[in-house]
C-alpha cells in the first residue's frame, strides 16, 4: 500500500497552491488600483494564470480519478473522514468554479480573455453588464469561500502533523530515501 501521493500529484498540488495563493494576492491588489495601463496589464496576467489554473485543475482531476490517493489514517473517526473528503471536494469545486466565473464575468463585461496575450478564448456569454456585475460578486464570494477552505485545509494538515503526529502532511511532501 502506497503511503505517499505520486510525484505528479505532489507537483500539481504545490504548483496549484503557489498559483492560487499568488492569484488571491494579485486579485485583492489589482482591484484596489485606479484605472491605468498597469492595472489592465495585471488583469491580463490574472486572466492568463486563471486559465492556466483551470487547465491544471482539469489535469489534476483526471490524475486523481486514475490514481487513488493514499488511505486516510486508521485513527480518524467518521466525522473527521467526512470533513476531509468534503473539504477536498469543496477545494476541487472552487478551483474549477473560480476560474470559470472569472471567464464568464470577463465575457459578460465585454473583455475577451486572451491566454498569454496570444490565444484568444471564445466569449462564453454575450455582453450583459448586469450579468457581469453579478458574476463579479459571485467570483469574489467564491474566493472568500476558497480562503476559508484553504485555512481549514492548512489547519487540518498542521493539526495532523503536530497534534496527531501522523503522516497526512508528510505524504504530500517529498519522500525521503531511507
Protein backbone atom coordinates (compact mmCIF):
# COMPACT_ATOMS: atom_id res chain seq x y z
CA UNK A 1 0.00 0.00 0.00
CA UNK A 2 1.41 3.39 -1.02
CA UNK A 3 1.61 5.89 1.82
CA UNK A 4 2.60 8.89 -0.33
CA UNK A 5 0.99 10.69 -3.22
CA UNK A 6 2.56 10.24 -6.65
CA UNK A 7 5.19 12.72 -7.79
CA UNK A 8 2.71 14.05 -10.38
CA UNK A 9 0.03 14.59 -7.71
CA UNK A 10 2.52 16.36 -5.44
CA UNK A 11 3.78 18.56 -8.27
CA UNK A 12 0.25 19.54 -9.30
CA UNK A 13 -0.72 20.17 -5.66
CA UNK A 14 2.17 22.51 -4.92
CA UNK A 15 2.10 24.22 -8.33
CA UNK A 16 -1.61 24.95 -7.91
CA UNK A 17 -1.02 26.08 -4.32
CA UNK A 18 1.58 28.64 -5.42
CA UNK A 19 -0.55 29.84 -8.34
CA UNK A 20 -3.72 30.11 -6.26
CA UNK A 21 -2.08 31.98 -3.36
CA UNK A 22 -0.46 34.29 -5.92
CA UNK A 23 -3.78 34.81 -7.69
CA UNK A 24 -5.53 35.66 -4.43
CA UNK A 25 -2.89 38.27 -3.61
CA UNK A 26 -2.90 39.69 -7.13
CA UNK A 27 -6.69 39.75 -7.23
CA UNK A 28 -7.01 41.72 -4.00
CA UNK A 29 -4.21 44.07 -5.03
CA UNK A 30 -5.36 44.84 -8.57
CA UNK A 31 -8.99 45.51 -7.68
CA UNK A 32 -7.90 48.36 -5.42
CA UNK A 33 -5.93 50.17 -8.13
CA UNK A 34 -7.13 53.16 -10.12
CA UNK A 35 -7.68 52.53 -13.82
CA UNK A 36 -4.31 52.64 -15.57
CA UNK A 37 -2.27 50.68 -18.12
CA UNK A 38 -0.57 48.88 -15.20
CA UNK A 39 -3.94 47.80 -13.78
CA UNK A 40 -5.05 46.50 -17.19
CA UNK A 41 -1.79 44.54 -17.50
CA UNK A 42 -2.34 42.99 -14.04
CA UNK A 43 -5.86 41.98 -15.06
CA UNK A 44 -4.43 40.33 -18.19
CA UNK A 45 -1.88 38.42 -16.12
CA UNK A 46 -4.61 37.43 -13.65
CA UNK A 47 -6.70 36.04 -16.51
CA UNK A 48 -3.70 34.21 -18.03
CA UNK A 49 -2.93 32.49 -14.76
CA UNK A 50 -6.64 31.84 -14.16
CA UNK A 51 -6.92 29.95 -17.45
CA UNK A 52 -3.74 28.05 -16.58
CA UNK A 53 -5.17 27.13 -13.17
CA UNK A 54 -8.38 25.96 -14.84
CA UNK A 55 -6.43 23.67 -17.20
CA UNK A 56 -4.18 22.38 -14.41
CA UNK A 57 -7.24 21.59 -12.29
CA UNK A 58 -8.69 19.57 -15.17
CA UNK A 59 -5.39 17.68 -15.37
CA UNK A 60 -5.32 17.22 -11.59
CA UNK A 61 -8.87 15.84 -11.52
CA UNK A 62 -8.03 13.42 -14.35
CA UNK A 63 -4.92 12.32 -12.43
CA UNK A 64 -6.85 11.95 -9.17
CA UNK A 65 -9.53 9.79 -10.85
CA UNK A 66 -6.90 7.47 -12.32
CA UNK A 67 -4.52 7.44 -9.32
CA UNK A 68 -6.13 6.89 -5.95
CA UNK A 69 -4.67 8.83 -3.01
CA UNK A 70 -3.18 7.03 -0.03
CA UNK A 71 -5.77 5.96 2.54
CA UNK A 72 -6.58 8.20 5.48
CA UNK A 73 -5.05 7.17 8.82
CA UNK A 74 -6.99 4.47 10.64
CA UNK A 75 -7.33 6.59 13.80
CA UNK A 76 -9.56 9.13 12.03
CA UNK A 77 -13.19 8.87 13.08
CA UNK A 78 -16.18 9.01 10.72
CA UNK A 79 -16.78 12.74 11.21
CA UNK A 80 -13.13 13.59 10.58
CA UNK A 81 -13.09 11.38 7.47
CA UNK A 82 -16.25 13.07 6.21
CA UNK A 83 -14.71 16.51 6.84
CA UNK A 84 -11.54 15.51 4.95
CA UNK A 85 -13.48 14.25 1.93
CA UNK A 86 -15.90 17.18 1.96
CA UNK A 87 -13.05 19.68 2.26
CA UNK A 88 -11.18 18.17 -0.67
CA UNK A 89 -14.36 18.03 -2.75
CA UNK A 90 -15.03 21.71 -1.99
CA UNK A 91 -11.46 22.65 -2.93
CA UNK A 92 -11.84 20.92 -6.31
CA UNK A 93 -15.21 22.58 -6.94
CA UNK A 94 -13.79 26.00 -6.08
CA UNK A 95 -10.60 25.50 -8.12
CA UNK A 96 -12.86 24.79 -11.09
CA UNK A 97 -15.63 27.32 -10.42
CA UNK A 98 -13.50 30.37 -9.65
CA UNK A 99 -11.61 30.48 -12.98
CA UNK A 100 -14.86 29.65 -14.80
CA UNK A 101 -16.75 32.52 -13.11
CA UNK A 102 -13.83 34.82 -13.94
CA UNK A 103 -14.02 33.82 -17.62
CA UNK A 104 -17.82 34.19 -17.63
CA UNK A 105 -17.52 37.60 -15.94
CA UNK A 106 -14.97 38.81 -18.49
CA UNK A 107 -17.22 37.63 -21.30
CA UNK A 108 -20.31 39.32 -19.87
CA UNK A 109 -18.40 42.55 -19.27
CA UNK A 110 -17.17 42.54 -22.88
CA UNK A 111 -13.47 41.85 -22.17
CA UNK A 112 -12.21 38.88 -24.14
CA UNK A 113 -9.72 36.59 -22.43
CA UNK A 114 -6.52 36.17 -24.44
CA UNK A 115 -4.35 33.43 -22.96
CA UNK A 116 -0.76 34.71 -22.59
CA UNK A 117 -1.66 37.52 -24.97
CA UNK A 118 -1.59 35.05 -27.88
CA UNK A 119 -4.57 32.69 -27.86
CA UNK A 120 -7.96 34.44 -27.83
CA UNK A 121 -10.52 32.34 -25.98
CA UNK A 122 -14.15 32.46 -27.04
CA UNK A 123 -16.52 34.55 -25.01
CA UNK A 124 -18.83 32.21 -23.12
CA UNK A 125 -21.59 34.80 -22.77
CA UNK A 126 -22.77 37.77 -24.75
CA UNK A 127 -22.19 41.22 -23.32
CA UNK A 128 -24.53 41.93 -20.38
CA UNK A 129 -23.47 44.47 -17.76
CA UNK A 130 -25.93 43.33 -15.09
CA UNK A 131 -24.88 39.70 -15.50
CA UNK A 132 -21.21 40.75 -15.50
CA UNK A 133 -21.71 42.61 -12.20
CA UNK A 134 -23.49 39.59 -10.71
CA UNK A 135 -20.70 37.26 -11.84
CA UNK A 136 -18.15 39.65 -10.33
CA UNK A 137 -19.92 39.30 -6.97
CA UNK A 138 -20.08 35.52 -7.34
CA UNK A 139 -16.38 35.40 -8.28
CA UNK A 140 -15.44 37.49 -5.22
CA UNK A 141 -17.66 35.44 -2.89
CA UNK A 142 -16.23 32.16 -4.15
CA UNK A 143 -12.74 33.50 -3.49
CA UNK A 144 -13.67 34.32 0.10
CA UNK A 145 -15.03 30.79 0.48
CA UNK A 146 -11.78 29.48 -1.02
CA UNK A 147 -9.73 31.41 1.54
CA UNK A 148 -11.78 29.92 4.38
CA UNK A 149 -11.46 26.44 2.89
CA UNK A 150 -7.70 26.84 2.41
CA UNK A 151 -7.32 27.95 6.02
CA UNK A 152 -9.20 24.84 7.14
CA UNK A 153 -7.10 22.66 4.79
CA UNK A 154 -3.78 24.04 6.05
CA UNK A 155 -5.02 24.00 9.64
CA UNK A 156 -6.07 20.35 9.35
CA UNK A 157 -2.69 19.43 7.85
CA UNK A 158 -0.86 21.14 10.71
CA UNK A 159 -3.16 19.51 13.28
CA UNK A 160 -2.38 16.09 11.82
CA UNK A 161 1.35 16.81 11.85
CA UNK A 162 1.78 18.44 15.25
CA UNK A 163 -1.08 17.03 17.35
CA UNK A 164 -1.98 13.66 15.82
CA UNK A 165 1.63 13.08 14.71
CA UNK A 166 0.52 11.10 11.66
CA UNK A 167 1.66 11.22 8.04
CA UNK A 168 -1.19 13.26 6.49
CA UNK A 169 1.07 16.27 5.85
CA UNK A 170 4.31 14.45 5.08
CA UNK A 171 2.81 12.19 2.41
CA UNK A 172 2.25 15.32 0.28
CA UNK A 173 5.91 16.32 0.74
CA UNK A 174 8.98 14.91 -0.96
CA UNK A 175 9.50 11.29 0.02
CA UNK A 176 12.88 10.74 1.61
CA UNK A 177 15.02 7.80 0.62
CA UNK A 178 15.75 5.58 3.63
